[in-house]
Amino acid sequence: MDVRIGIMQTAKELDVELGSDVEREELIATIESALASGDGVLWLTDKRGRRVGVPAARVAYVEVGALSDDRRVGFGAP
């Protein structure tokens, strides 16, 4: 599953590819609880085991995508 995080006052986005064992609803609940406090850190672990932390106060938006197995690349991709 892909997660794209927009960070305030930064032109680039942070893309994190999570493992296939991550439940979508649990992930959304984790993101919501981290952003609710406003002064915490949103921590995600990618499929390689690396941890990524983003200060909750700096998050502009979070986009939770589909499972990475569903991604298509090339001219036939929608």
PDB file of N, CA and C in Angstrom:
ATOM      1  N   MET A   1       0.852  -1.160   0.000  1.00  0.00           N
ATOM      2  CA  MET A   1       0.000   0.000   0.000  1.00  0.00           C
ATOM      3  C   MET A   1       0.902   1.228   0.000  1.00  0.00           C
ATOM      4  N   ASP A   2       0.549   2.191  -0.795  1.00  0.00           N
ATOM      5  CA  ASP A   2       1.310   3.432  -0.893  1.00  0.00           C
ATOM      6  C   ASP A   2       0.658   4.518  -0.049  1.00  0.00           C
ATOM      7  N   VAL A   3       1.494   5.293   0.618  1.00  0.00           N
ATOM      8  CA  VAL A   3       1.040   6.452   1.385  1.00  0.00           C
ATOM      9  C   VAL A   3       1.838   7.644   0.890  1.00  0.00           C
ATOM     10  N   ARG A   4       1.140   8.697   0.514  1.00  0.00           N
ATOM     11  CA  ARG A   4       1.777   9.928   0.047  1.00  0.00           C
ATOM     12  C   ARG A   4       1.457  11.021   1.054  1.00  0.00           C
ATOM     13  N   ILE A   5       2.506  11.678   1.547  1.00  0.00           N
ATOM     14  CA  ILE A   5       2.352  12.695   2.576  1.00  0.00           C
ATOM     15  C   ILE A   5       2.861  14.025   2.033  1.00  0.00           C
ATOM     16  N   GLY A   6       2.010  15.033   2.065  1.00  0.00           N
ATOM     17  CA  GLY A   6       2.401  16.381   1.704  1.00  0.00           C
ATOM     18  C   GLY A   6       2.862  17.112   2.950  1.00  0.00           C
ATOM     19  N   ILE A   7       3.988  17.791   2.846  1.00  0.00           N
ATOM     20  CA  ILE A   7       4.552  18.495   3.989  1.00  0.00           C
ATOM     21  C   ILE A   7       4.480  19.999   3.718  1.00  0.00           C
ATOM     22  N   MET A   8       4.031  20.748   4.712  1.00  0.00           N
ATOM     23  CA  MET A   8       3.864  22.195   4.554  1.00  0.00           C
ATOM     24  C   MET A   8       5.176  22.866   4.188  1.00  0.00           C
ATOM     25  N   GLN A   9       5.091  23.868   3.321  1.00  0.00           N
ATOM     26  CA  GLN A   9       6.213  24.685   2.862  1.00  0.00           C
ATOM     27  C   GLN A   9       7.315  23.863   2.194  1.00  0.00           C
ATOM     28  N   THR A  10       6.914  22.750   1.584  1.00  0.00           N
ATOM     29  CA  THR A  10       7.841  21.910   0.829  1.00  0.00           C
ATOM     30  C   THR A  10       7.157  21.523  -0.474  1.00  0.00           C
ATOM     31  N   ALA A  11       7.870  21.662  -1.570  1.00  0.00           N
ATOM     32  CA  ALA A  11       7.291  21.362  -2.873  1.00  0.00           C
ATOM     33  C   ALA A  11       7.177  19.866  -3.139  1.00  0.00           C
ATOM     34  N   LYS A  12       7.982  19.064  -2.487  1.00  0.00           N
ATOM     35  CA  LYS A  12       7.976  17.628  -2.739  1.00  0.00           C
ATOM     36  C   LYS A  12       7.069  16.895  -1.765  1.00  0.00           C
ATOM     37  N   GLU A  13       6.667  15.696  -2.186  1.00  0.00           N
ATOM     38  CA  GLU A  13       5.860  14.825  -1.350  1.00  0.00           C
ATOM     39  C   GLU A  13       6.731  13.683  -0.849  1.00  0.00           C
ATOM     40  N   LEU A  14       6.310  13.093   0.236  1.00  0.00           N
ATOM     41  CA  LEU A  14       6.989  11.944   0.790  1.00  0.00           C
ATOM     42  C   LEU A  14       6.168  10.713   0.435  1.00  0.00           C
ATOM     43  N   ASP A  15       6.752   9.780  -0.304  1.00  0.00           N
ATOM     44  CA  ASP A  15       6.081   8.538  -0.677  1.00  0.00           C
ATOM     45  C   ASP A  15       6.640   7.404   0.152  1.00  0.00           C
ATOM     46  N   VAL A  16       5.748   6.665   0.813  1.00  0.00           N
ATOM     47  CA  VAL A  16       6.148   5.523   1.623  1.00  0.00           C
ATOM     48  C   VAL A  16       5.371   4.319   1.125  1.00  0.00           C
ATOM     49  N   GLU A  17       6.075   3.261   0.756  1.00  0.00           N
ATOM     50  CA  GLU A  17       5.434   2.033   0.305  1.00  0.00           C
ATOM     51  C   GLU A  17       5.425   1.049   1.464  1.00  0.00           C
ATOM     52  N   LEU A  18       4.229   0.773   1.975  1.00  0.00           N
ATOM     53  CA  LEU A  18       4.074  -0.111   3.121  1.00  0.00           C
ATOM     54  C   LEU A  18       3.924  -1.548   2.658  1.00  0.00           C
ATOM     55  N   GLY A  19       4.124  -2.475   3.565  1.00  0.00           N
ATOM     56  CA  GLY A  19       4.000  -3.896   3.249  1.00  0.00           C
ATOM     57  C   GLY A  19       2.560  -4.286   2.967  1.00  0.00           C
ATOM     58  N   SER A  20       2.383  -5.459   2.404  1.00  0.00           N
ATOM     59  CA  SER A  20       1.044  -5.925   2.031  1.00  0.00           C
ATOM     60  C   SER A  20       0.238  -6.392   3.240  1.00  0.00           C
ATOM     61  N   ASP A  21       0.884  -6.550   4.400  1.00  0.00           N
ATOM     62  CA  ASP A  21       0.183  -7.017   5.592  1.00  0.00           C
ATOM     63  C   ASP A  21      -0.492  -5.890   6.374  1.00  0.00           C
ATOM     64  N   VAL A  22      -0.363  -4.663   5.922  1.00  0.00           N
ATOM     65  CA  VAL A  22      -0.949  -3.509   6.609  1.00  0.00           C
ATOM     66  C   VAL A  22      -2.431  -3.409   6.273  1.00  0.00           C
ATOM     67  N   GLU A  23      -3.257  -3.302   7.300  1.00  0.00           N
ATOM     68  CA  GLU A  23      -4.694  -3.131   7.109  1.00  0.00           C
ATOM     69  C   GLU A  23      -4.991  -1.655   6.878  1.00  0.00           C
ATOM     70  N   ARG A  24      -5.778  -1.361   5.860  1.00  0.00           N
ATOM     71  CA  ARG A  24      -6.069   0.015   5.467  1.00  0.00           C
ATOM     72  C   ARG A  24      -6.750   0.805   6.583  1.00  0.00           C
ATOM     73  N   GLU A  25      -7.755   0.222   7.223  1.00  0.00           N
ATOM     74  CA  GLU A  25      -8.504   0.938   8.263  1.00  0.00           C
ATOM     75  C   GLU A  25      -7.647   1.184   9.504  1.00  0.00           C
ATOM     76  N   GLU A  26      -6.785   0.223   9.857  1.00  0.00           N
ATOM     77  CA  GLU A  26      -5.877   0.419  10.991  1.00  0.00           C
ATOM     78  C   GLU A  26      -4.879   1.537  10.697  1.00  0.00           C
ATOM     79  N   LEU A  27      -4.397   1.578   9.459  1.00  0.00           N
ATOM     80  CA  LEU A  27      -3.460   2.625   9.059  1.00  0.00           C
ATOM     81  C   LEU A  27      -4.110   3.994   9.143  1.00  0.00           C
ATOM     82  N   ILE A  28      -5.316   4.111   8.646  1.00  0.00           N
ATOM     83  CA  ILE A  28      -6.033   5.393   8.698  1.00  0.00           C
ATOM     84  C   ILE A  28      -6.272   5.821  10.138  1.00  0.00           C
ATOM     85  N   ALA A  29      -6.616   4.869  11.016  1.00  0.00           N
ATOM     86  CA  ALA A  29      -6.817   5.191  12.425  1.00  0.00           C
ATOM     87  C   ALA A  29      -5.512   5.657  13.077  1.00  0.00           C
ATOM     88  N   THR A  30      -4.403   5.028  12.717  1.00  0.00           N
ATOM     89  CA  THR A  30      -3.097   5.426  13.245  1.00  0.00           C
ATOM     90  C   THR A  30      -2.743   6.839  12.796  1.00  0.00           C
ATOM     91  N   ILE A  31      -2.995   7.136  11.524  1.00  0.00           N
ATOM     92  CA  ILE A  31      -2.708   8.467  10.989  1.00  0.00           C
ATOM     93  C   ILE A  31      -3.574   9.516  11.674  1.00  0.00           C
ATOM     94  N   GLU A  32      -4.861   9.219  11.824  1.00  0.00           N
ATOM     95  CA  GLU A  32      -5.770  10.167  12.466  1.00  0.00           C
ATOM     96  C   GLU A  32      -5.374  10.446  13.906  1.00  0.00           C
ATOM     97  N   SER A  33      -4.979   9.423  14.645  1.00  0.00           N
ATOM     98  CA  SER A  33      -4.603   9.639  16.042  1.00  0.00           C
ATOM     99  C   SER A  33      -3.304  10.431  16.148  1.00  0.00           C
ATOM    100  N   ALA A  34      -2.359  10.198  15.242  1.00  0.00           N
ATOM    101  CA  ALA A  34      -1.096  10.949  15.266  1.00  0.00           C
ATOM    102  C   ALA A  34      -1.319  12.413  14.913  1.00  0.00           C
ATOM    103  N   LEU A  35      -2.231  12.679  13.982  1.00  0.00           N
ATOM    104  CA  LEU A  35      -2.467  14.053  13.555  1.00  0.00           C
ATOM    105  C   LEU A  35      -3.409  14.805  14.499  1.00  0.00           C
ATOM    106  N   ALA A  36      -4.174  14.080  15.300  1.00  0.00           N
ATOM    107  CA  ALA A  36      -5.136  14.724  16.194  1.00  0.00           C
ATOM    108  C   ALA A  36      -4.442  15.543  17.272  1.00  0.00           C
ATOM    109  N   SER A  37      -3.320  15.053  17.767  1.00  0.00           N
ATOM    110  CA  SER A  37      -2.635  15.781  18.833  1.00  0.00           C
ATOM    111  C   SER A  37      -1.961  17.044  18.303  1.00  0.00           C
ATOM    112  N   GLY A  38      -1.444  16.969  17.080  1.00  0.00           N
ATOM    113  CA  GLY A  38      -0.834  18.141  16.470  1.00  0.00           C
ATOM    114  C   GLY A  38       0.610  18.390  16.861  1.00  0.00           C
ATOM    115  N   ASP A  39       1.049  17.821  17.983  1.00  0.00           N
ATOM    116  CA  ASP A  39       2.435  18.046  18.395  1.00  0.00           C
ATOM    117  C   ASP A  39       3.255  16.762  18.417  1.00  0.00           C
ATOM    118  N   GLY A  40       2.660  15.662  17.984  1.00  0.00           N
ATOM    119  CA  GLY A  40       3.362  14.384  17.953  1.00  0.00           C
ATOM    120  C   GLY A  40       4.066  14.158  16.626  1.00  0.00           C
ATOM    121  N   VAL A  41       4.461  12.920  16.402  1.00  0.00           N
ATOM    122  CA  VAL A  41       5.145  12.527  15.177  1.00  0.00           C
ATOM    123  C   VAL A  41       4.380  11.363  14.553  1.00  0.00           C
ATOM    124  N   LEU A  42       4.147  11.450  13.257  1.00  0.00           N
ATOM    125  CA  LEU A  42       3.535  10.361  12.512  1.00  0.00           C
ATOM    126  C   LEU A  42       4.644   9.415  12.074  1.00  0.00           C
ATOM    127  N   TRP A  43       4.643   8.215  12.630  1.00  0.00           N
ATOM    128  CA  TRP A  43       5.663   7.213  12.305  1.00  0.00           C
ATOM    129  C   TRP A  43       5.056   6.134  11.427  1.00  0.00           C
ATOM    130  N   LEU A  44       5.731   5.830  10.307  1.00  0.00           N
ATOM    131  CA  LEU A  44       5.336   4.743   9.415  1.00  0.00           C
ATOM    132  C   LEU A  44       6.554   3.872   9.154  1.00  0.00           C
ATOM    133  N   THR A  45       6.334   2.572   8.983  1.00  0.00           N
ATOM    134  CA  THR A  45       7.413   1.642   8.667  1.00  0.00           C
ATOM    135  C   THR A  45       7.164   1.104   7.264  1.00  0.00           C
ATOM    136  N   ASP A  46       8.143   1.300   6.363  1.00  0.00           N
ATOM    137  CA  ASP A  46       7.957   0.850   4.984  1.00  0.00           C
ATOM    138  C   ASP A  46       8.195  -0.653   4.871  1.00  0.00           C
ATOM    139  N   LYS A  47       8.035  -1.172   3.659  1.00  0.00           N
ATOM    140  CA  LYS A  47       8.101  -2.620   3.470  1.00  0.00           C
ATOM    141  C   LYS A  47       9.509  -3.179   3.661  1.00  0.00           C
ATOM    142  N   ARG A  48      10.524  -2.331   3.691  1.00  0.00           N
ATOM    143  CA  ARG A  48      11.900  -2.766   3.935  1.00  0.00           C
ATOM    144  C   ARG A  48      12.290  -2.664   5.407  1.00  0.00           C
ATOM    145  N   GLY A  49      11.373  -2.185   6.236  1.00  0.00           N
ATOM    146  CA  GLY A  49      11.633  -2.078   7.664  1.00  0.00           C
ATOM    147  C   GLY A  49      12.172  -0.736   8.116  1.00  0.00           C
ATOM    148  N   ARG A  50      12.322   0.218   7.196  1.00  0.00           N
ATOM    149  CA  ARG A  50      12.799   1.551   7.560  1.00  0.00           C
ATOM    150  C   ARG A  50      11.660   2.342   8.172  1.00  0.00           C
ATOM    151  N   ARG A  51      11.963   3.099   9.225  1.00  0.00           N
ATOM    152  CA  ARG A  51      10.950   3.935   9.877  1.00  0.00           C
ATOM    153  C   ARG A  51      11.079   5.365   9.397  1.00  0.00           C
ATOM    154  N   VAL A  52       9.931   5.957   9.089  1.00  0.00           N
ATOM    155  CA  VAL A  52       9.872   7.336   8.611  1.00  0.00           C
ATOM    156  C   VAL A  52       8.994   8.116   9.582  1.00  0.00           C
ATOM    157  N   GLY A  53       9.515   9.226  10.062  1.00  0.00           N
ATOM    158  CA  GLY A  53       8.762  10.072  10.981  1.00  0.00           C
ATOM    159  C   GLY A  53       8.570  11.464  10.421  1.00  0.00           C
ATOM    160  N   VAL A  54       7.352  11.972  10.538  1.00  0.00           N
ATOM    161  CA  VAL A  54       7.022  13.321  10.066  1.00  0.00           C
ATOM    162  C   VAL A  54       6.320  14.037  11.217  1.00  0.00           C
ATOM    163  N   PRO A  55       6.787  15.231  11.586  1.00  0.00           N
ATOM    164  CA  PRO A  55       6.093  15.984  12.643  1.00  0.00           C
ATOM    165  C   PRO A  55       4.639  16.254  12.235  1.00  0.00           C
ATOM    166  N   ALA A  56       3.722  15.920  13.102  1.00  0.00           N
ATOM    167  CA  ALA A  56       2.293  16.048  12.786  1.00  0.00           C
ATOM    168  C   ALA A  56       1.906  17.485  12.453  1.00  0.00           C
ATOM    169  N   ALA A  57       2.562  18.450  13.061  1.00  0.00           N
ATOM    170  CA  ALA A  57       2.242  19.858  12.816  1.00  0.00           C
ATOM    171  C   ALA A  57       2.632  20.292  11.412  1.00  0.00           C
ATOM    172  N   ARG A  58       3.493  19.559  10.725  1.00  0.00           N
ATOM    173  CA  ARG A  58       3.974  19.922   9.390  1.00  0.00           C
ATOM    174  C   ARG A  58       3.241  19.192   8.267  1.00  0.00           C
ATOM    175  N   VAL A  59       2.345  18.267   8.595  1.00  0.00           N
ATOM    176  CA  VAL A  59       1.638  17.483   7.576  1.00  0.00           C
ATOM    177  C   VAL A  59       0.533  18.324   6.953  1.00  0.00           C
ATOM    178  N   ALA A  60       0.592  18.456   5.619  1.00  0.00           N
ATOM    179  CA  ALA A  60      -0.440  19.186   4.894  1.00  0.00           C
ATOM    180  C   ALA A  60      -1.592  18.256   4.502  1.00  0.00           C
ATOM    181  N   TYR A  61      -1.260  17.050   4.023  1.00  0.00           N
ATOM    182  CA  TYR A  61      -2.275  16.058   3.653  1.00  0.00           C
ATOM    183  C   TYR A  61      -1.645  14.676   3.633  1.00  0.00           C
ATOM    184  N   VAL A  62      -2.505  13.665   3.703  1.00  0.00           N
ATOM    185  CA  VAL A  62      -2.076  12.271   3.610  1.00  0.00           C
ATOM    186  C   VAL A  62      -2.991  11.575   2.620  1.00  0.00           C
ATOM    187  N   GLU A  63      -2.402  10.917   1.650  1.00  0.00           N
ATOM    188  CA  GLU A  63      -3.162  10.166   0.649  1.00  0.00           C
ATOM    189  C   GLU A  63      -2.814   8.689   0.803  1.00  0.00           C
ATOM    190  N   VAL A  64      -3.820   7.877   1.104  1.00  0.00           N
ATOM    191  CA  VAL A  64      -3.621   6.443   1.266  1.00  0.00           C
ATOM    192  C   VAL A  64      -4.090   5.774  -0.020  1.00  0.00           C
ATOM    193  N   GLY A  65      -3.161   5.123  -0.706  1.00  0.00           N
ATOM    194  CA  GLY A  65      -3.463   4.509  -1.991  1.00  0.00           C
ATOM    195  C   GLY A  65      -3.883   3.058  -1.861  1.00  0.00           C
ATOM    196  N   ALA A  66      -3.968   2.421  -3.000  1.00  0.00           N
ATOM    197  CA  ALA A  66      -4.345   1.009  -3.057  1.00  0.00           C
ATOM    198  C   ALA A  66      -3.140   0.144  -2.740  1.00  0.00           C
ATOM    199  N   LEU A  67      -3.369  -1.153  -2.630  1.00  0.00           N
ATOM    200  CA  LEU A  67      -2.271  -2.086  -2.432  1.00  0.00           C
ATOM    201  C   LEU A  67      -1.295  -1.982  -3.585  1.00  0.00           C
ATOM    202  N   SER A  68      -0.021  -2.119  -3.316  1.00  0.00           N
ATOM    203  CA  SER A  68       1.004  -1.934  -4.343  1.00  0.00           C
ATOM    204  C   SER A  68       0.929  -2.999  -5.433  1.00  0.00           C
ATOM    205  N   ASP A  69       0.326  -4.150  -5.151  1.00  0.00           N
ATOM    206  CA  ASP A  69       0.204  -5.197  -6.164  1.00  0.00           C
ATOM    207  C   ASP A  69      -0.738  -4.788  -7.294  1.00  0.00           C
ATOM    208  N   ASP A  70      -1.623  -3.822  -7.025  1.00  0.00           N
ATOM    209  CA  ASP A  70      -2.601  -3.401  -8.020  1.00  0.00           C
ATOM    210  C   ASP A  70      -2.071  -2.336  -8.968  1.00  0.00           C
ATOM    211  N   ARG A  71      -0.849  -1.874  -8.736  1.00  0.00           N
ATOM    212  CA  ARG A  71      -0.306  -0.796  -9.565  1.00  0.00           C
ATOM    213  C   ARG A  71       0.064  -1.324 -10.948  1.00  0.00           C
ATOM    214  N   ARG A  72      -0.212  -0.513 -11.948  1.00  0.00           N
ATOM    215  CA  ARG A  72       0.161  -0.842 -13.322  1.00  0.00           C
ATOM    216  C   ARG A  72       1.040   0.264 -13.859  1.00  0.00           C
ATOM    217  N   VAL A  73       1.993  -0.118 -14.666  1.00  0.00           N
ATOM    218  CA  VAL A  73       2.926   0.853 -15.248  1.00  0.00           C
ATOM    219  C   VAL A  73       2.906   0.676 -16.757  1.00  0.00           C
ATOM    220  N   GLY A  74       2.963   1.785 -17.487  1.00  0.00           N
ATOM    221  CA  GLY A  74       3.032   1.709 -18.938  1.00  0.00           C
ATOM    222  C   GLY A  74       1.874   2.419 -19.603  1.00  0.00           C
ATOM    223  N   PHE A  75       1.758   2.200 -20.884  1.00  0.00           N
ATOM    224  CA  PHE A  75       0.739   2.896 -21.675  1.00  0.00           C
ATOM    225  C   PHE A  75      -0.669   2.404 -21.375  1.00  0.00           C
ATOM    226  N   GLY A  76      -0.813   1.192 -20.904  1.00  0.00           N
ATOM    227  CA  GLY A  76      -2.142   0.642 -20.618  1.00  0.00           C
ATOM    228  C   GLY A  76      -2.652   0.991 -19.243  1.00  0.00           C
ATOM    229  N   ALA A  77      -1.838   1.675 -18.434  1.00  0.00           N
ATOM    230  CA  ALA A  77      -2.254   2.019 -17.069  1.00  0.00           C
ATOM    231  C   ALA A  77      -3.307   3.118 -17.107  1.00  0.00           C
ATOM    232  N   PRO A  78      -4.295   3.035 -16.235  1.00  0.00           N
ATOM    233  CA  PRO A  78      -5.354   4.066 -16.213  1.00  0.00           C
ATOM    234  C   PRO A  78      -4.872   5.376 -15.666  1.00  0.00           C
TER     235      PRO A  78
END
